[in-house]
Amino acid sequence: SWKWAQKLELVSVLSAHEGCVNSVRFCGESLVTGSDDRTVCLWRAAEGRVVARLRTVHSHNIFDAARSPDGSVVVTSGADGRVGASRARE
């Protein structure tokens, strides 16, 4: 049944990546997104704005991205078989 979908309301559309977005995760009040453009964006979820855009070590698209519990590190996994870790600076 699609009745649950009728209860959803679009709040905002977030646009910053130049490729397909493969990963979206909440980290407290922030969002972390990873994309085929090989970048990670850190967002202020309530404001819908990018506070940081990180280049990564990946030579191909990012499959997943997550932020450490203290928010200081972003880890990524990509199609190139690598896992990367970047300092998160807002």
PDB file of N, CA and C in Angstrom:
ATOM      1  N   SER A   1       0.828  -1.198   0.000  1.00  0.00           N
ATOM      2  CA  SER A   1       0.000   0.000   0.000  1.00  0.00           C
ATOM      3  C   SER A   1       0.870   1.259   0.000  1.00  0.00           C
ATOM      4  N   TRP A   2       0.462   2.258  -0.725  1.00  0.00           N
ATOM      5  CA  TRP A   2       1.184   3.522  -0.834  1.00  0.00           C
ATOM      6  C   TRP A   2       0.605   4.583   0.085  1.00  0.00           C
ATOM      7  N   LYS A   3      -0.257   4.212   1.021  1.00  0.00           N
ATOM      8  CA  LYS A   3      -0.871   5.203   1.915  1.00  0.00           C
ATOM      9  C   LYS A   3       0.167   5.952   2.737  1.00  0.00           C
ATOM     10  N   TRP A   4       1.255   5.300   3.107  1.00  0.00           N
ATOM     11  CA  TRP A   4       2.301   5.973   3.887  1.00  0.00           C
ATOM     12  C   TRP A   4       2.928   7.100   3.083  1.00  0.00           C
ATOM     13  N   ALA A   5       3.027   6.940   1.774  1.00  0.00           N
ATOM     14  CA  ALA A   5       3.635   7.973   0.931  1.00  0.00           C
ATOM     15  C   ALA A   5       2.794   9.235   0.883  1.00  0.00           C
ATOM     16  N   GLN A   6       1.517   9.110   1.066  1.00  0.00           N
ATOM     17  CA  GLN A   6       0.637  10.272   1.057  1.00  0.00           C
ATOM     18  C   GLN A   6       0.863  11.155   2.276  1.00  0.00           C
ATOM     19  N   LYS A   7       1.512  10.626   3.293  1.00  0.00           N
ATOM     20  CA  LYS A   7       1.768  11.377   4.512  1.00  0.00           C
ATOM     21  C   LYS A   7       3.107  12.105   4.488  1.00  0.00           C
ATOM     22  N   LEU A   8       3.913  11.883   3.455  1.00  0.00           N
ATOM     23  CA  LEU A   8       5.214  12.528   3.350  1.00  0.00           C
ATOM     24  C   LEU A   8       5.066  13.910   2.721  1.00  0.00           C
ATOM     25  N   GLU A   9       5.826  14.839   3.244  1.00  0.00           N
ATOM     26  CA  GLU A   9       5.824  16.196   2.703  1.00  0.00           C
ATOM     27  C   GLU A   9       7.258  16.570   2.340  1.00  0.00           C
ATOM     28  N   LEU A  10       7.465  17.031   1.107  1.00  0.00           N
ATOM     29  CA  LEU A  10       8.783  17.464   0.681  1.00  0.00           C
ATOM     30  C   LEU A  10       9.143  18.753   1.404  1.00  0.00           C
ATOM     31  N   VAL A  11      10.255  18.728   2.125  1.00  0.00           N
ATOM     32  CA  VAL A  11      10.691  19.884   2.899  1.00  0.00           C
ATOM     33  C   VAL A  11      11.684  20.724   2.107  1.00  0.00           C
ATOM     34  N   SER A  12      12.639  20.065   1.456  1.00  0.00           N
ATOM     35  CA  SER A  12      13.616  20.786   0.645  1.00  0.00           C
ATOM     36  C   SER A  12      14.303  19.826  -0.316  1.00  0.00           C
ATOM     37  N   VAL A  13      14.949  20.395  -1.317  1.00  0.00           N
ATOM     38  CA  VAL A  13      15.756  19.638  -2.265  1.00  0.00           C
ATOM     39  C   VAL A  13      17.184  20.156  -2.121  1.00  0.00           C
ATOM     40  N   LEU A  14      18.108  19.255  -1.867  1.00  0.00           N
ATOM     41  CA  LEU A  14      19.501  19.633  -1.662  1.00  0.00           C
ATOM     42  C   LEU A  14      20.287  19.353  -2.934  1.00  0.00           C
ATOM     43  N   SER A  15      20.916  20.364  -3.474  1.00  0.00           N
ATOM     44  CA  SER A  15      21.686  20.214  -4.714  1.00  0.00           C
ATOM     45  C   SER A  15      23.080  20.791  -4.534  1.00  0.00           C
ATOM     46  N   ALA A  16      24.084  19.941  -4.723  1.00  0.00           N
ATOM     47  CA  ALA A  16      25.469  20.407  -4.671  1.00  0.00           C
ATOM     48  C   ALA A  16      26.385  19.500  -5.484  1.00  0.00           C
ATOM     49  N   HIS A  17      26.007  18.241  -5.629  1.00  0.00           N
ATOM     50  CA  HIS A  17      26.848  17.283  -6.337  1.00  0.00           C
ATOM     51  C   HIS A  17      26.663  17.403  -7.840  1.00  0.00           C
ATOM     52  N   GLU A  18      27.706  17.003  -8.573  1.00  0.00           N
ATOM     53  CA  GLU A  18      27.661  17.010 -10.033  1.00  0.00           C
ATOM     54  C   GLU A  18      27.410  15.615 -10.600  1.00  0.00           C
ATOM     55  N   GLY A  19      27.234  14.656  -9.718  1.00  0.00           N
ATOM     56  CA  GLY A  19      26.977  13.281 -10.142  1.00  0.00           C
ATOM     57  C   GLY A  19      25.903  12.658  -9.285  1.00  0.00           C
ATOM     58  N   CYS A  20      25.610  11.418  -9.574  1.00  0.00           N
ATOM     59  CA  CYS A  20      24.607  10.659  -8.827  1.00  0.00           C
ATOM     60  C   CYS A  20      25.014  10.596  -7.349  1.00  0.00           C
ATOM     61  N   VAL A  21      24.062  10.814  -6.455  1.00  0.00           N
ATOM     62  CA  VAL A  21      24.316  10.724  -5.012  1.00  0.00           C
ATOM     63  C   VAL A  21      24.018   9.293  -4.574  1.00  0.00           C
ATOM     64  N   ASN A  22      25.027   8.628  -4.032  1.00  0.00           N
ATOM     65  CA  ASN A  22      24.911   7.222  -3.648  1.00  0.00           C
ATOM     66  C   ASN A  22      24.767   7.005  -2.149  1.00  0.00           C
ATOM     67  N   SER A  23      25.063   8.023  -1.365  1.00  0.00           N
ATOM     68  CA  SER A  23      25.057   7.859   0.083  1.00  0.00           C
ATOM     69  C   SER A  23      24.522   9.119   0.753  1.00  0.00           C
ATOM     70  N   VAL A  24      23.591   8.929   1.675  1.00  0.00           N
ATOM     71  CA  VAL A  24      23.054  10.026   2.489  1.00  0.00           C
ATOM     72  C   VAL A  24      22.916   9.504   3.913  1.00  0.00           C
ATOM     73  N   ARG A  25      23.537  10.207   4.860  1.00  0.00           N
ATOM     74  CA  ARG A  25      23.454   9.790   6.270  1.00  0.00           C
ATOM     75  C   ARG A  25      23.318  10.999   7.174  1.00  0.00           C
ATOM     76  N   PHE A  26      22.497  10.836   8.190  1.00  0.00           N
ATOM     77  CA  PHE A  26      22.427  11.836   9.249  1.00  0.00           C
ATOM     78  C   PHE A  26      23.566  11.606  10.220  1.00  0.00           C
ATOM     79  N   CYS A  27      24.120  12.689  10.720  1.00  0.00           N
ATOM     80  CA  CYS A  27      25.110  12.661  11.793  1.00  0.00           C
ATOM     81  C   CYS A  27      24.727  13.816  12.714  1.00  0.00           C
ATOM     82  N   GLY A  28      23.935  13.527  13.719  1.00  0.00           N
ATOM     83  CA  GLY A  28      23.408  14.588  14.574  1.00  0.00           C
ATOM     84  C   GLY A  28      22.489  15.491  13.772  1.00  0.00           C
ATOM     85  N   GLU A  29      22.796  16.773  13.742  1.00  0.00           N
ATOM     86  CA  GLU A  29      22.004  17.750  12.992  1.00  0.00           C
ATOM     87  C   GLU A  29      22.540  17.960  11.580  1.00  0.00           C
ATOM     88  N   SER A  30      23.555  17.198  11.208  1.00  0.00           N
ATOM     89  CA  SER A  30      24.181  17.336   9.888  1.00  0.00           C
ATOM     90  C   SER A  30      23.832  16.159   8.996  1.00  0.00           C
ATOM     91  N   LEU A  31      24.074  16.356   7.706  1.00  0.00           N
ATOM     92  CA  LEU A  31      23.970  15.280   6.729  1.00  0.00           C
ATOM     93  C   LEU A  31      25.339  15.107   6.079  1.00  0.00           C
ATOM     94  N   VAL A  32      25.636  13.877   5.673  1.00  0.00           N
ATOM     95  CA  VAL A  32      26.840  13.574   4.905  1.00  0.00           C
ATOM     96  C   VAL A  32      26.363  12.883   3.633  1.00  0.00           C
ATOM     97  N   THR A  33      26.815  13.389   2.473  1.00  0.00           N
ATOM     98  CA  THR A  33      26.449  12.773   1.205  1.00  0.00           C
ATOM     99  C   THR A  33      27.705  12.434   0.416  1.00  0.00           C
ATOM    100  N   GLY A  34      27.655  11.320  -0.309  1.00  0.00           N
ATOM    101  CA  GLY A  34      28.754  10.906  -1.171  1.00  0.00           C
ATOM    102  C   GLY A  34      28.225  10.662  -2.570  1.00  0.00           C
ATOM    103  N   SER A  35      29.060  10.954  -3.584  1.00  0.00           N
ATOM    104  CA  SER A  35      28.561  11.001  -4.953  1.00  0.00           C
ATOM    105  C   SER A  35      29.509  10.396  -5.979  1.00  0.00           C
ATOM    106  N   ASP A  36      28.967  10.182  -7.184  1.00  0.00           N
ATOM    107  CA  ASP A  36      29.775   9.764  -8.320  1.00  0.00           C
ATOM    108  C   ASP A  36      30.798  10.823  -8.712  1.00  0.00           C
ATOM    109  N   ASP A  37      30.612  12.062  -8.266  1.00  0.00           N
ATOM    110  CA  ASP A  37      31.590  13.120  -8.588  1.00  0.00           C
ATOM    111  C   ASP A  37      32.838  13.039  -7.705  1.00  0.00           C
ATOM    112  N   ARG A  38      32.919  11.992  -6.864  1.00  0.00           N
ATOM    113  CA  ARG A  38      34.055  11.693  -5.989  1.00  0.00           C
ATOM    114  C   ARG A  38      34.233  12.697  -4.859  1.00  0.00           C
ATOM    115  N   THR A  39      33.180  13.418  -4.524  1.00  0.00           N
ATOM    116  CA  THR A  39      33.238  14.350  -3.400  1.00  0.00           C
ATOM    117  C   THR A  39      32.240  13.945  -2.324  1.00  0.00           C
ATOM    118  N   VAL A  40      32.487  14.484  -1.143  1.00  0.00           N
ATOM    119  CA  VAL A  40      31.584  14.338  -0.001  1.00  0.00           C
ATOM    120  C   VAL A  40      31.132  15.734   0.380  1.00  0.00           C
ATOM    121  N   CYS A  41      29.850  15.896   0.644  1.00  0.00           N
ATOM    122  CA  CYS A  41      29.339  17.180   1.123  1.00  0.00           C
ATOM    123  C   CYS A  41      28.827  17.014   2.544  1.00  0.00           C
ATOM    124  N   LEU A  42      29.144  17.998   3.368  1.00  0.00           N
ATOM    125  CA  LEU A  42      28.606  18.089   4.726  1.00  0.00           C
ATOM    126  C   LEU A  42      27.569  19.196   4.705  1.00  0.00           C
ATOM    127  N   TRP A  43      26.402  18.912   5.208  1.00  0.00           N
ATOM    128  CA  TRP A  43      25.259  19.815   5.140  1.00  0.00           C
ATOM    129  C   TRP A  43      24.748  20.170   6.527  1.00  0.00           C
ATOM    130  N   ARG A  44      24.234  21.358   6.680  1.00  0.00           N
ATOM    131  CA  ARG A  44      23.404  21.694   7.840  1.00  0.00           C
ATOM    132  C   ARG A  44      21.987  21.323   7.426  1.00  0.00           C
ATOM    133  N   ALA A  45      21.502  20.253   7.988  1.00  0.00           N
ATOM    134  CA  ALA A  45      20.230  19.686   7.542  1.00  0.00           C
ATOM    135  C   ALA A  45      19.071  20.673   7.660  1.00  0.00           C
ATOM    136  N   ALA A  46      18.983  21.378   8.770  1.00  0.00           N
ATOM    137  CA  ALA A  46      17.862  22.290   8.992  1.00  0.00           C
ATOM    138  C   ALA A  46      17.856  23.450   8.001  1.00  0.00           C
ATOM    139  N   GLU A  47      19.048  23.853   7.562  1.00  0.00           N
ATOM    140  CA  GLU A  47      19.167  24.993   6.645  1.00  0.00           C
ATOM    141  C   GLU A  47      19.241  24.563   5.191  1.00  0.00           C
ATOM    142  N   GLY A  48      19.539  23.295   4.943  1.00  0.00           N
ATOM    143  CA  GLY A  48      19.652  22.798   3.588  1.00  0.00           C
ATOM    144  C   GLY A  48      20.813  23.380   2.813  1.00  0.00           C
ATOM    145  N   ARG A  49      21.911  23.676   3.519  1.00  0.00           N
ATOM    146  CA  ARG A  49      23.059  24.267   2.829  1.00  0.00           C
ATOM    147  C   ARG A  49      24.329  23.470   3.107  1.00  0.00           C
ATOM    148  N   VAL A  50      25.229  23.496   2.133  1.00  0.00           N
ATOM    149  CA  VAL A  50      26.517  22.817   2.253  1.00  0.00           C
ATOM    150  C   VAL A  50      27.434  23.679   3.109  1.00  0.00           C
ATOM    151  N   VAL A  51      28.060  23.063   4.099  1.00  0.00           N
ATOM    152  CA  VAL A  51      29.030  23.776   4.931  1.00  0.00           C
ATOM    153  C   VAL A  51      30.456  23.368   4.594  1.00  0.00           C
ATOM    154  N   ALA A  52      30.609  22.234   3.909  1.00  0.00           N
ATOM    155  CA  ALA A  52      31.937  21.803   3.469  1.00  0.00           C
ATOM    156  C   ALA A  52      31.783  20.817   2.320  1.00  0.00           C
ATOM    157  N   ARG A  53      32.706  20.910   1.397  1.00  0.00           N
ATOM    158  CA  ARG A  53      32.764  19.965   0.284  1.00  0.00           C
ATOM    159  C   ARG A  53      34.183  19.403   0.269  1.00  0.00           C
ATOM    160  N   LEU A  54      34.295  18.089   0.406  1.00  0.00           N
ATOM    161  CA  LEU A  54      35.589  17.441   0.543  1.00  0.00           C
ATOM    162  C   LEU A  54      35.949  16.645  -0.703  1.00  0.00           C
ATOM    163  N   ARG A  55      37.131  16.876  -1.221  1.00  0.00           N
ATOM    164  CA  ARG A  55      37.679  16.014  -2.267  1.00  0.00           C
ATOM    165  C   ARG A  55      38.152  14.743  -1.562  1.00  0.00           C
ATOM    166  N   THR A  56      38.094  13.639  -2.243  1.00  0.00           N
ATOM    167  CA  THR A  56      38.472  12.368  -1.628  1.00  0.00           C
ATOM    168  C   THR A  56      39.625  11.725  -2.400  1.00  0.00           C
ATOM    169  N   VAL A  57      40.103  10.593  -1.895  1.00  0.00           N
ATOM    170  CA  VAL A  57      41.194   9.854  -2.528  1.00  0.00           C
ATOM    171  C   VAL A  57      40.714   8.988  -3.686  1.00  0.00           C
ATOM    172  N   HIS A  58      39.422   8.957  -3.904  1.00  0.00           N
ATOM    173  CA  HIS A  58      38.860   8.011  -4.864  1.00  0.00           C
ATOM    174  C   HIS A  58      39.059   8.435  -6.322  1.00  0.00           C
ATOM    175  N   SER A  59      39.324   7.425  -7.155  1.00  0.00           N
ATOM    176  CA  SER A  59      39.450   7.665  -8.592  1.00  0.00           C
ATOM    177  C   SER A  59      38.153   7.316  -9.326  1.00  0.00           C
ATOM    178  N   HIS A  60      37.211   6.743  -8.599  1.00  0.00           N
ATOM    179  CA  HIS A  60      35.889   6.410  -9.145  1.00  0.00           C
ATOM    180  C   HIS A  60      34.825   6.803  -8.122  1.00  0.00           C
ATOM    181  N   ASN A  61      33.582   6.552  -8.461  1.00  0.00           N
ATOM    182  CA  ASN A  61      32.465   7.003  -7.625  1.00  0.00           C
ATOM    183  C   ASN A  61      32.519   6.477  -6.188  1.00  0.00           C
ATOM    184  N   ILE A  62      31.936   7.282  -5.310  1.00  0.00           N
ATOM    185  CA  ILE A  62      31.827   6.944  -3.891  1.00  0.00           C
ATOM    186  C   ILE A  62      30.547   6.152  -3.683  1.00  0.00           C
ATOM    187  N   PHE A  63      30.682   5.017  -3.020  1.00  0.00           N
ATOM    188  CA  PHE A  63      29.517   4.188  -2.714  1.00  0.00           C
ATOM    189  C   PHE A  63      28.896   4.540  -1.370  1.00  0.00           C
ATOM    190  N   ASP A  64      29.741   4.914  -0.398  1.00  0.00           N
ATOM    191  CA  ASP A  64      29.220   5.174   0.939  1.00  0.00           C
ATOM    192  C   ASP A  64      30.096   6.209   1.634  1.00  0.00           C
ATOM    193  N   ALA A  65      29.490   6.969   2.521  1.00  0.00           N
ATOM    194  CA  ALA A  65      30.210   7.971   3.310  1.00  0.00           C
ATOM    195  C   ALA A  65      29.554   8.067   4.678  1.00  0.00           C
ATOM    196  N   ALA A  66      30.375   8.195   5.701  1.00  0.00           N
ATOM    197  CA  ALA A  66      29.866   8.318   7.069  1.00  0.00           C
ATOM    198  C   ALA A  66      30.815   9.199   7.868  1.00  0.00           C
ATOM    199  N   ARG A  67      30.276   9.802   8.911  1.00  0.00           N
ATOM    200  CA  ARG A  67      31.058  10.685   9.776  1.00  0.00           C
ATOM    201  C   ARG A  67      31.290   9.991  11.114  1.00  0.00           C
ATOM    202  N   SER A  68      32.460  10.190  11.700  1.00  0.00           N
ATOM    203  CA  SER A  68      32.776   9.598  13.001  1.00  0.00           C
ATOM    204  C   SER A  68      31.845  10.170  14.066  1.00  0.00           C
ATOM    205  N   PRO A  69      31.682   9.468  15.177  1.00  0.00           N
ATOM    206  CA  PRO A  69      30.779   9.950  16.227  1.00  0.00           C
ATOM    207  C   PRO A  69      31.082  11.368  16.715  1.00  0.00           C
ATOM    208  N   ASP A  70      32.363  11.750  16.753  1.00  0.00           N
ATOM    209  CA  ASP A  70      32.692  13.107  17.196  1.00  0.00           C
ATOM    210  C   ASP A  70      32.654  14.121  16.049  1.00  0.00           C
ATOM    211  N   GLY A  71      32.392  13.632  14.819  1.00  0.00           N
ATOM    212  CA  GLY A  71      32.247  14.518  13.670  1.00  0.00           C
ATOM    213  C   GLY A  71      33.535  14.987  13.033  1.00  0.00           C
ATOM    214  N   SER A  72      34.686  14.539  13.522  1.00  0.00           N
ATOM    215  CA  SER A  72      35.966  15.069  13.038  1.00  0.00           C
ATOM    216  C   SER A  72      36.500  14.379  11.787  1.00  0.00           C
ATOM    217  N   VAL A  73      36.004  13.180  11.492  1.00  0.00           N
ATOM    218  CA  VAL A  73      36.512  12.403  10.359  1.00  0.00           C
ATOM    219  C   VAL A  73      35.347  11.913   9.510  1.00  0.00           C
ATOM    220  N   VAL A  74      35.532  11.952   8.191  1.00  0.00           N
ATOM    221  CA  VAL A  74      34.584  11.359   7.253  1.00  0.00           C
ATOM    222  C   VAL A  74      35.285  10.193   6.577  1.00  0.00           C
ATOM    223  N   VAL A  75      34.653   9.021   6.589  1.00  0.00           N
ATOM    224  CA  VAL A  75      35.200   7.863   5.898  1.00  0.00           C
ATOM    225  C   VAL A  75      34.337   7.571   4.680  1.00  0.00           C
ATOM    226  N   THR A  76      35.001   7.108   3.614  1.00  0.00           N
ATOM    227  CA  THR A  76      34.314   6.832   2.361  1.00  0.00           C
ATOM    228  C   THR A  76      34.769   5.495   1.814  1.00  0.00           C
ATOM    229  N   SER A  77      33.900   4.861   1.034  1.00  0.00           N
ATOM    230  CA  SER A  77      34.284   3.673   0.272  1.00  0.00           C
ATOM    231  C   SER A  77      33.870   3.911  -1.169  1.00  0.00           C
ATOM    232  N   GLY A  78      34.695   3.421  -2.094  1.00  0.00           N
ATOM    233  CA  GLY A  78      34.425   3.715  -3.492  1.00  0.00           C
ATOM    234  C   GLY A  78      34.598   2.539  -4.422  1.00  0.00           C
ATOM    235  N   ALA A  79      34.221   2.773  -5.675  1.00  0.00           N
ATOM    236  CA  ALA A  79      34.308   1.757  -6.720  1.00  0.00           C
ATOM    237  C   ALA A  79      35.742   1.364  -7.029  1.00  0.00           C
ATOM    238  N   ASP A  80      36.699   2.174  -6.607  1.00  0.00           N
ATOM    239  CA  ASP A  80      38.109   1.871  -6.843  1.00  0.00           C
ATOM    240  C   ASP A  80      38.682   0.882  -5.826  1.00  0.00           C
ATOM    241  N   GLY A  81      37.843   0.411  -4.900  1.00  0.00           N
ATOM    242  CA  GLY A  81      38.273  -0.570  -3.909  1.00  0.00           C
ATOM    243  C   GLY A  81      38.966   0.019  -2.703  1.00  0.00           C
ATOM    244  N   ARG A  82      38.981   1.350  -2.601  1.00  0.00           N
ATOM    245  CA  ARG A  82      39.655   2.007  -1.478  1.00  0.00           C
ATOM    246  C   ARG A  82      38.657   2.498  -0.442  1.00  0.00           C
ATOM    247  N   VAL A  83      39.180   2.608   0.772  1.00  0.00           N
ATOM    248  CA  VAL A  83      38.468   3.300   1.865  1.00  0.00           C
ATOM    249  C   VAL A  83      39.315   4.510   2.207  1.00  0.00           C
ATOM    250  N   GLY A  84      38.694   5.669   2.240  1.00  0.00           N
ATOM    251  CA  GLY A  84      39.416   6.902   2.546  1.00  0.00           C
ATOM    252  C   GLY A  84      38.928   7.518   3.840  1.00  0.00           C
ATOM    253  N   ALA A  85      39.793   8.267   4.482  1.00  0.00           N
ATOM    254  CA  ALA A  85      39.439   9.000   5.681  1.00  0.00           C
ATOM    255  C   ALA A  85      39.908  10.437   5.507  1.00  0.00           C
ATOM    256  N   SER A  86      39.019  11.379   5.734  1.00  0.00           N
ATOM    257  CA  SER A  86      39.336  12.809   5.587  1.00  0.00           C
ATOM    258  C   SER A  86      38.935  13.553   6.836  1.00  0.00           C
ATOM    259  N   ARG A  87      39.694  14.575   7.184  1.00  0.00           N
ATOM    260  CA  ARG A  87      39.312  15.443   8.294  1.00  0.00           C
ATOM    261  C   ARG A  87      38.121  16.269   7.860  1.00  0.00           C
ATOM    262  N   ALA A  88      37.124  16.359   8.720  1.00  0.00           N
ATOM    263  CA  ALA A  88      35.919  17.133   8.423  1.00  0.00           C
ATOM    264  C   ALA A  88      36.070  18.526   9.024  1.00  0.00           C
ATOM    265  N   ARG A  89      36.166  19.528   8.174  1.00  0.00           N
ATOM    266  CA  ARG A  89      36.291  20.911   8.644  1.00  0.00           C
ATOM    267  C   ARG A  89      35.142  21.712   8.107  1.00  0.00           C
ATOM    268  N   GLU A  90      34.373  22.271   9.014  1.00  0.00           N
ATOM    269  CA  GLU A  90      33.241  23.109   8.607  1.00  0.00           C
ATOM    270  C   GLU A  90      33.603  24.551   8.669  1.00  0.00           C
TER     271      GLU A  90
END
